[in-house]
Amino acid sequence: MLEDYRRNNQSTFMVEQMVLIDIRKLLQSMQKDIKMYPLPDIDDTYDASCDIPREIFEEASIEANEDDVALSDTLNEEQRAAFDEIMSLVDIEHESLFFVDGPSGTGKTYLYRALLATIRSQKMIAVATTTSGVVASIMSGGRTAHSCFKIPLTIDNGIFCTFTKQSGTAKLLRASCLIIWDEASMTKR
């Protein structure tokens, strides 16, 4: 649990508190009290998730990387056009779908990093997912789509994503103003 939170937060104390809060919630779901165990005290000021699903709390806790915020000033002409179009619709809260296409090495991830940082710097929620763990690691707060959306790794008859309309994942999708799904290209040799 600690490693999951450490990926998105620099504060060791905050990471510890988030883990303890999760443990408390798990224990409560089993009708147990965290105070029965020799664990550090929980600072409830870090439990901003009282009525907020854990998934939203985690994404909202990702701070904008200052270097990535500056990327928007160095976009090329095509990246700038995509950035401006996407941000104009995010700013007016207009639901839209964009498909960014291009061969490997054309700057898609660079654009994604600029978008994620800009939106997060405005205290809005942006979710970064990809089909590749390697690509997820280079996007701030990036996760695999399988992990984020509970997509099964094997596809069999009758298998589907395992979150409900009332789940934290569904609420995260509704609360997000940007969701990036980068389908990492795999080259066959």
C-alpha atoms as a PDB file:
ATOM      1  CA  MET A   1       0.000   0.000   0.000  1.00  0.00           C
ATOM      2  CA  LEU A   2       2.827   2.332   0.906  1.00  0.00           C
ATOM      3  CA  GLU A   3       4.439   2.009  -2.532  1.00  0.00           C
ATOM      4  CA  ASP A   4       1.135   2.810  -4.290  1.00  0.00           C
ATOM      5  CA  TYR A   5       0.791   6.084  -2.396  1.00  0.00           C
ATOM      6  CA  ARG A   6       4.496   6.964  -2.541  1.00  0.00           C
ATOM      7  CA  ARG A   7       4.328   6.978  -6.326  1.00  0.00           C
ATOM      8  CA  ASN A   8       2.031  10.027  -6.244  1.00  0.00           C
ATOM      9  CA  ASN A   9       3.038  11.823  -3.042  1.00  0.00           C
ATOM     10  CA  GLN A  10       6.361  13.136  -1.833  1.00  0.00           C
ATOM     11  CA  SER A  11       5.407  13.623   1.814  1.00  0.00           C
ATOM     12  CA  THR A  12       6.348  10.558   3.875  1.00  0.00           C
ATOM     13  CA  PHE A  13       3.984  11.591   6.663  1.00  0.00           C
ATOM     14  CA  MET A  14       1.053  12.023   4.261  1.00  0.00           C
ATOM     15  CA  VAL A  15       1.779   8.638   2.661  1.00  0.00           C
ATOM     16  CA  GLU A  16       1.838   7.001   6.104  1.00  0.00           C
ATOM     17  CA  GLN A  17      -1.448   8.681   7.018  1.00  0.00           C
ATOM     18  CA  MET A  18      -3.117   7.554   3.791  1.00  0.00           C
ATOM     19  CA  VAL A  19      -2.059   3.957   4.432  1.00  0.00           C
ATOM     20  CA  LEU A  20      -3.294   4.098   8.020  1.00  0.00           C
ATOM     21  CA  ILE A  21      -6.618   5.548   6.877  1.00  0.00           C
ATOM     22  CA  ASP A  22      -7.000   2.715   4.354  1.00  0.00           C
ATOM     23  CA  ILE A  23      -6.162   0.142   7.027  1.00  0.00           C
ATOM     24  CA  ARG A  24      -8.713   1.742   9.342  1.00  0.00           C
ATOM     25  CA  LYS A  25     -11.392   1.512   6.633  1.00  0.00           C
ATOM     26  CA  LEU A  26     -10.519  -2.118   5.913  1.00  0.00           C
ATOM     27  CA  LEU A  27     -10.692  -2.991   9.590  1.00  0.00           C
ATOM     28  CA  GLN A  28     -13.988  -1.124   9.993  1.00  0.00           C
ATOM     29  CA  SER A  29     -15.448  -3.167   7.139  1.00  0.00           C
ATOM     30  CA  MET A  30     -14.600  -6.257   9.242  1.00  0.00           C
ATOM     31  CA  GLN A  31     -16.140  -4.694  12.374  1.00  0.00           C
ATOM     32  CA  LYS A  32     -12.722  -4.147  13.989  1.00  0.00           C
ATOM     33  CA  ASP A  33     -11.121  -1.021  15.431  1.00  0.00           C
ATOM     34  CA  ILE A  34      -7.657   0.120  14.373  1.00  0.00           C
ATOM     35  CA  LYS A  35      -6.984   1.208  17.964  1.00  0.00           C
ATOM     36  CA  MET A  36      -6.786  -2.488  18.914  1.00  0.00           C
ATOM     37  CA  TYR A  37      -3.476  -2.716  17.034  1.00  0.00           C
ATOM     38  CA  PRO A  38      -0.079  -1.148  17.803  1.00  0.00           C
ATOM     39  CA  LEU A  39      -0.096   1.307  14.900  1.00  0.00           C
ATOM     40  CA  PRO A  40       0.743   5.024  14.797  1.00  0.00           C
ATOM     41  CA  ASP A  41      -2.070   7.482  15.501  1.00  0.00           C
ATOM     42  CA  ILE A  42      -4.084   8.817  12.601  1.00  0.00           C
ATOM     43  CA  ASP A  43      -4.152  12.549  12.046  1.00  0.00           C
ATOM     44  CA  ASP A  44      -7.759  13.018  10.930  1.00  0.00           C
ATOM     45  CA  THR A  45      -6.871  16.217   9.102  1.00  0.00           C
ATOM     46  CA  TYR A  46      -5.470  13.868   6.426  1.00  0.00           C
ATOM     47  CA  ASP A  47      -8.735  11.963   6.236  1.00  0.00           C
ATOM     48  CA  ALA A  48     -10.290  14.394   3.829  1.00  0.00           C
ATOM     49  CA  SER A  49     -11.954  11.376   2.333  1.00  0.00           C
ATOM     50  CA  CYS A  50     -14.694  11.131   4.956  1.00  0.00           C
ATOM     51  CA  ASP A  51     -17.348  11.350   2.246  1.00  0.00           C
ATOM     52  CA  ILE A  52     -14.960  11.260  -0.698  1.00  0.00           C
ATOM     53  CA  PRO A  53     -14.179   7.924  -2.331  1.00  0.00           C
ATOM     54  CA  ARG A  54     -10.549   6.817  -1.965  1.00  0.00           C
ATOM     55  CA  GLU A  55     -10.074   6.867  -5.748  1.00  0.00           C
ATOM     56  CA  ILE A  56     -11.028  10.548  -5.983  1.00  0.00           C
ATOM     57  CA  PHE A  57      -8.973  11.446  -2.912  1.00  0.00           C
ATOM     58  CA  GLU A  58      -5.889   9.752  -4.405  1.00  0.00           C
ATOM     59  CA  GLU A  59      -6.198  11.485  -7.774  1.00  0.00           C
ATOM     60  CA  ALA A  60      -6.942  14.871  -6.175  1.00  0.00           C
ATOM     61  CA  SER A  61      -3.819  14.450  -4.018  1.00  0.00           C
ATOM     62  CA  ILE A  62      -1.485  14.280  -7.027  1.00  0.00           C
ATOM     63  CA  GLU A  63       0.351  17.566  -7.200  1.00  0.00           C
ATOM     64  CA  ALA A  64       1.221  19.173 -10.505  1.00  0.00           C
ATOM     65  CA  ASN A  65       4.864  18.654 -11.399  1.00  0.00           C
ATOM     66  CA  GLU A  66       6.388  22.114 -11.937  1.00  0.00           C
ATOM     67  CA  ASP A  67       8.581  20.884 -14.803  1.00  0.00           C
ATOM     68  CA  ASP A  68       5.520  19.423 -16.524  1.00  0.00           C
ATOM     69  CA  VAL A  69       3.533  22.652 -16.030  1.00  0.00           C
ATOM     70  CA  ALA A  70       6.279  24.441 -17.998  1.00  0.00           C
ATOM     71  CA  LEU A  71       5.931  21.971 -20.891  1.00  0.00           C
ATOM     72  CA  SER A  72       2.890  23.845 -22.201  1.00  0.00           C
ATOM     73  CA  ASP A  73       5.202  26.739 -23.150  1.00  0.00           C
ATOM     74  CA  THR A  74       7.362  24.497 -25.331  1.00  0.00           C
ATOM     75  CA  LEU A  75       4.754  22.580 -27.352  1.00  0.00           C
ATOM     76  CA  ASN A  76       5.218  22.408 -31.112  1.00  0.00           C
ATOM     77  CA  GLU A  77       2.521  23.719 -33.453  1.00  0.00           C
ATOM     78  CA  GLU A  78       0.496  20.488 -33.637  1.00  0.00           C
ATOM     79  CA  GLN A  79       0.779  19.827 -29.901  1.00  0.00           C
ATOM     80  CA  ARG A  80      -0.264  23.427 -29.186  1.00  0.00           C
ATOM     81  CA  ALA A  81      -3.366  23.072 -31.394  1.00  0.00           C
ATOM     82  CA  ALA A  82      -4.418  19.876 -29.577  1.00  0.00           C
ATOM     83  CA  PHE A  83      -3.594  21.371 -26.155  1.00  0.00           C
ATOM     84  CA  ASP A  84      -5.604  24.546 -26.808  1.00  0.00           C
ATOM     85  CA  GLU A  85      -8.604  22.636 -28.186  1.00  0.00           C
ATOM     86  CA  ILE A  86      -8.701  20.224 -25.254  1.00  0.00           C
ATOM     87  CA  MET A  87      -8.166  22.912 -22.620  1.00  0.00           C
ATOM     88  CA  SER A  88     -10.834  25.178 -24.139  1.00  0.00           C
ATOM     89  CA  LEU A  89     -13.419  22.426 -23.686  1.00  0.00           C
ATOM     90  CA  VAL A  90     -12.144  21.496 -20.213  1.00  0.00           C
ATOM     91  CA  ASP A  91     -12.432  25.151 -19.179  1.00  0.00           C
ATOM     92  CA  ILE A  92     -16.113  25.319 -20.158  1.00  0.00           C
ATOM     93  CA  GLU A  93     -16.791  21.839 -18.713  1.00  0.00           C
ATOM     94  CA  HIS A  94     -17.917  20.485 -22.065  1.00  0.00           C
ATOM     95  CA  GLU A  95     -17.866  16.711 -22.340  1.00  0.00           C
ATOM     96  CA  SER A  96     -15.760  15.709 -25.318  1.00  0.00           C
ATOM     97  CA  LEU A  97     -13.734  12.845 -26.657  1.00  0.00           C
ATOM     98  CA  PHE A  98     -10.417  13.299 -28.420  1.00  0.00           C
ATOM     99  CA  PHE A  99      -8.203  10.793 -30.146  1.00  0.00           C
ATOM    100  CA  VAL A 100      -4.553  11.781 -30.348  1.00  0.00           C
ATOM    101  CA  ASP A 101      -2.812   9.694 -32.969  1.00  0.00           C
ATOM    102  CA  GLY A 102       0.727   9.570 -34.191  1.00  0.00           C
ATOM    103  CA  PRO A 103       3.665   7.241 -34.523  1.00  0.00           C
ATOM    104  CA  SER A 104       5.934   6.536 -31.599  1.00  0.00           C
ATOM    105  CA  GLY A 105       8.236   9.453 -30.839  1.00  0.00           C
ATOM    106  CA  THR A 106       5.970  12.242 -32.118  1.00  0.00           C
ATOM    107  CA  GLY A 107       5.385  13.837 -28.708  1.00  0.00           C
ATOM    108  CA  LYS A 108       2.045  12.412 -27.562  1.00  0.00           C
ATOM    109  CA  THR A 109       3.320  11.684 -24.045  1.00  0.00           C
ATOM    110  CA  TYR A 110       4.859  15.177 -23.928  1.00  0.00           C
ATOM    111  CA  LEU A 111       1.413  16.614 -24.725  1.00  0.00           C
ATOM    112  CA  TYR A 112      -0.238  14.363 -22.120  1.00  0.00           C
ATOM    113  CA  ARG A 113       2.216  15.462 -19.438  1.00  0.00           C
ATOM    114  CA  ALA A 114       1.509  19.140 -20.241  1.00  0.00           C
ATOM    115  CA  LEU A 115      -2.260  18.563 -20.106  1.00  0.00           C
ATOM    116  CA  LEU A 116      -2.118  16.603 -16.848  1.00  0.00           C
ATOM    117  CA  ALA A 117       0.062  19.193 -15.129  1.00  0.00           C
ATOM    118  CA  THR A 118      -2.007  22.149 -16.336  1.00  0.00           C
ATOM    119  CA  ILE A 119      -5.270  20.625 -15.173  1.00  0.00           C
ATOM    120  CA  ARG A 120      -3.846  19.498 -11.832  1.00  0.00           C
ATOM    121  CA  SER A 121      -2.318  22.942 -11.259  1.00  0.00           C
ATOM    122  CA  GLN A 122      -5.892  24.269 -11.532  1.00  0.00           C
ATOM    123  CA  LYS A 123      -6.943  21.818  -8.766  1.00  0.00           C
ATOM    124  CA  MET A 124      -9.038  19.721 -11.127  1.00  0.00           C
ATOM    125  CA  ILE A 125      -8.913  15.947 -11.442  1.00  0.00           C
ATOM    126  CA  ALA A 126      -7.076  14.355 -14.350  1.00  0.00           C
ATOM    127  CA  VAL A 127      -6.558  10.602 -14.675  1.00  0.00           C
ATOM    128  CA  ALA A 128      -3.598   9.179 -16.588  1.00  0.00           C
ATOM    129  CA  THR A 129      -3.864   5.579 -17.778  1.00  0.00           C
ATOM    130  CA  THR A 130      -2.078   3.450 -20.304  1.00  0.00           C
ATOM    131  CA  THR A 131      -1.868  -0.142 -21.406  1.00  0.00           C
ATOM    132  CA  SER A 132       1.822  -0.265 -20.477  1.00  0.00           C
ATOM    133  CA  GLY A 133       3.290  -0.018 -16.997  1.00  0.00           C
ATOM    134  CA  VAL A 134       6.446   1.491 -18.496  1.00  0.00           C
ATOM    135  CA  VAL A 135       4.525   4.353 -20.106  1.00  0.00           C
ATOM    136  CA  ALA A 136       2.431   4.798 -16.945  1.00  0.00           C
ATOM    137  CA  SER A 137       5.640   5.344 -14.991  1.00  0.00           C
ATOM    138  CA  ILE A 138       6.605   8.397 -17.074  1.00  0.00           C
ATOM    139  CA  MET A 139       3.268  10.168 -16.588  1.00  0.00           C
ATOM    140  CA  SER A 140       2.699  11.824 -13.217  1.00  0.00           C
ATOM    141  CA  GLY A 141       0.156   9.712 -11.352  1.00  0.00           C
ATOM    142  CA  GLY A 142       0.039   7.293 -14.274  1.00  0.00           C
ATOM    143  CA  ARG A 143      -1.490   3.841 -13.827  1.00  0.00           C
ATOM    144  CA  THR A 144      -2.306   0.951 -16.068  1.00  0.00           C
ATOM    145  CA  ALA A 145      -5.865   0.936 -17.365  1.00  0.00           C
ATOM    146  CA  HIS A 146      -6.269  -2.562 -15.924  1.00  0.00           C
ATOM    147  CA  SER A 147      -5.490  -1.241 -12.460  1.00  0.00           C
ATOM    148  CA  CYS A 148      -7.505   1.972 -12.699  1.00  0.00           C
ATOM    149  CA  PHE A 149     -10.645   0.648 -14.376  1.00  0.00           C
ATOM    150  CA  LYS A 150     -10.608  -2.890 -12.950  1.00  0.00           C
ATOM    151  CA  ILE A 151     -10.254  -4.377 -16.437  1.00  0.00           C
ATOM    152  CA  PRO A 152      -9.680  -8.148 -16.291  1.00  0.00           C
ATOM    153  CA  LEU A 153      -6.332  -9.351 -17.608  1.00  0.00           C
ATOM    154  CA  THR A 154      -7.932 -12.309 -19.373  1.00  0.00           C
ATOM    155  CA  ILE A 155     -10.970 -12.033 -21.579  1.00  0.00           C
ATOM    156  CA  ASP A 156     -13.367 -14.920 -21.253  1.00  0.00           C
ATOM    157  CA  ASN A 157     -17.066 -15.172 -21.994  1.00  0.00           C
ATOM    158  CA  GLY A 158     -19.048 -13.184 -19.466  1.00  0.00           C
ATOM    159  CA  ILE A 159     -16.041 -11.329 -17.999  1.00  0.00           C
ATOM    160  CA  PHE A 160     -16.444  -7.579 -17.503  1.00  0.00           C
ATOM    161  CA  CYS A 161     -15.061  -4.691 -15.458  1.00  0.00           C
ATOM    162  CA  THR A 162     -15.840  -5.174 -11.801  1.00  0.00           C
ATOM    163  CA  PHE A 163     -16.948  -1.752 -10.639  1.00  0.00           C
ATOM    164  CA  THR A 164     -20.510  -0.584 -10.128  1.00  0.00           C
ATOM    165  CA  LYS A 165     -22.204   2.761 -10.862  1.00  0.00           C
ATOM    166  CA  GLN A 166     -21.949   3.617  -7.163  1.00  0.00           C
ATOM    167  CA  SER A 167     -18.297   2.600  -6.737  1.00  0.00           C
ATOM    168  CA  GLY A 168     -15.384   4.930  -6.134  1.00  0.00           C
ATOM    169  CA  THR A 169     -14.069   4.180  -9.630  1.00  0.00           C
ATOM    170  CA  ALA A 170     -17.358   5.249 -11.238  1.00  0.00           C
ATOM    171  CA  LYS A 171     -17.416   8.416  -9.117  1.00  0.00           C
ATOM    172  CA  LEU A 172     -13.817   9.131 -10.151  1.00  0.00           C
ATOM    173  CA  LEU A 173     -14.750   8.857 -13.820  1.00  0.00           C
ATOM    174  CA  ARG A 174     -17.630  11.293 -13.309  1.00  0.00           C
ATOM    175  CA  ALA A 175     -15.464  13.736 -11.293  1.00  0.00           C
ATOM    176  CA  SER A 176     -12.585  13.804 -13.778  1.00  0.00           C
ATOM    177  CA  CYS A 177     -12.310  16.634 -16.241  1.00  0.00           C
ATOM    178  CA  LEU A 178      -9.662  14.756 -18.243  1.00  0.00           C
ATOM    179  CA  ILE A 179      -8.979  11.061 -18.663  1.00  0.00           C
ATOM    180  CA  ILE A 180      -5.991  10.063 -20.729  1.00  0.00           C
ATOM    181  CA  TRP A 181      -5.836   6.519 -22.021  1.00  0.00           C
ATOM    182  CA  ASP A 182      -2.596   6.040 -23.876  1.00  0.00           C
ATOM    183  CA  GLU A 183      -2.546   2.770 -25.742  1.00  0.00           C
ATOM    184  CA  ALA A 184       1.170   2.110 -25.754  1.00  0.00           C
ATOM    185  CA  SER A 185       2.339   0.916 -29.123  1.00  0.00           C
ATOM    186  CA  MET A 186       4.033  -2.429 -29.180  1.00  0.00           C
ATOM    187  CA  THR A 187       6.345  -3.228 -32.042  1.00  0.00           C
ATOM    188  CA  LYS A 188       6.645  -6.785 -33.265  1.00  0.00           C
ATOM    189  CA  ARG A 189      10.068  -8.071 -34.196  1.00  0.00           C
END
